[in-house]
């Protein structure tokens, strides 16, 4: 209790504390003699203006300016302030008082002048007057300082207004006009490639456009009739724009701006006009032809090859490769290998794929002549898919080189367009390719072991039970092992005595 009473007496003995004071308050136990205590002195308008003038004059010094340490800079300001003849007879200010007053001025100015740059807030002293309710400056300060300050403020605001107007007003620049000679370009393109006696013959056209002239003109004709972008129009002055030939040529030779616009419209038009024909599912007749070719090569029931660059193994469960089989839309296939009958076609793959009944891999470490021969024939046959992608890369630079487009949808459309163009080229030039002779199967079905059931209807509705059963059948490892063994025996029986294999 005694300690609490003495503490209360200590608090009662303290004088009142001015919370707005810039001086550090002292408790009674810390106070020196009364004669040594300095009474806080408020800043007058005249003193505030003189402090601003001292700051400006020191800051504008052409030799020293403000390129010095803060302490030395403010010592010069205080010295300049205290030497003012207008302050004769007053108590000199200390460095800390001047810095605190300057900080208070900046705080008041920044509250209402946020758009004014920080280095120019010194000109806004009139805001300090309006906030603090100071009397008229003409009554307390020298008229010459008052006039100089008014002129400086007027000059500042005039310069600031001009800078704001100049910076925010968008200068109207004359648009550069580049004469592109569209008509001359069309005539030159026509004379080089498309007239009756062109500068570049047919084989050079095939090299430059990656297709024969008949295929290219078929595409140009369909696009110009069905896609508005490729229809030639006149501009505001009645001058003809780029011709369909120029736009289609630009789309095949990737470049900038106009070319990319042509490419986007070209891919959309080609997919719309030719996609249904050249990206369709195999018909039963197409499937039978693939089965016949697979049987000639020693793989009855094979309909092609899959490489992980085309069908990433990481997303195999989401792949649409087997959607038609699972949903009952695929034609039914039956084939016999080594005396055993199977009813699911298969693909040749590399070792990264799972051991499903629809995937047949090579043998990584073959033991014995039969396994060695099977691995050799399987790997040679599976090269088809890698060669196909190599042909796409060699034919279209956009497939080989890094993509210049950022949108995944557009990149996908470019790839689909390249595949459509590739199929159109193959159809046009098929007679010049090496063909497998399937005439031995054309006389009747008795000579072939792989057949497509033409009477099977794909219009039957599928149900969940059927889909789960087919899914288990597709992933059956036992069928995979049996089929692989039968294929090893079939390859040995067919090519075991052929030294050229």
Foldseek 3Di string as FASTA:
>chain_A
DVVVVVVVVQVVQFDDDDPPDPDDDDGPVGDDDPVPDDDDDDDAPQLVLLLLVLLVVLLPPPPPHPPDDPVVSLVSSQVSSQPDPVQPPHDRDDSSVSVVVVVVQLVQQCVPPVVDDSVPSSLPCVSVCVVVVHDDPVVPYDVVSVVVSVVVNVVVVVVVVVVVCVVPDDDDDDDDDDDPPQVVVVVLVCQQPPDPNHVDDQVVVCVLQVFGPVLLVVLLVQCCVPPVVQPWDADPVRHIDHHNVVLSSLLQVDDDDSSVVSVLSSLVSCCVPQVCPQVPDDDQVSQVVQQLVCVVLLHHLENEADECVVPPQVCNVVDCPCVCVLFLQDFWKWFDFLRDIDTHRAHEYDPVHALWLRYAYQDPDDDDDLSVLRNVSSVVRNCVVVVVLVVLVVSGVCSVDDHPDDDPVSNVSSVSSSSSVVSSRCVVCVVVDDDDDSVVCVVDPPVGRMHTDPPDDSPDGDDPVSSVVSVCNRGPNVSSVVSNVSSSVSSCVVCVPPPVD
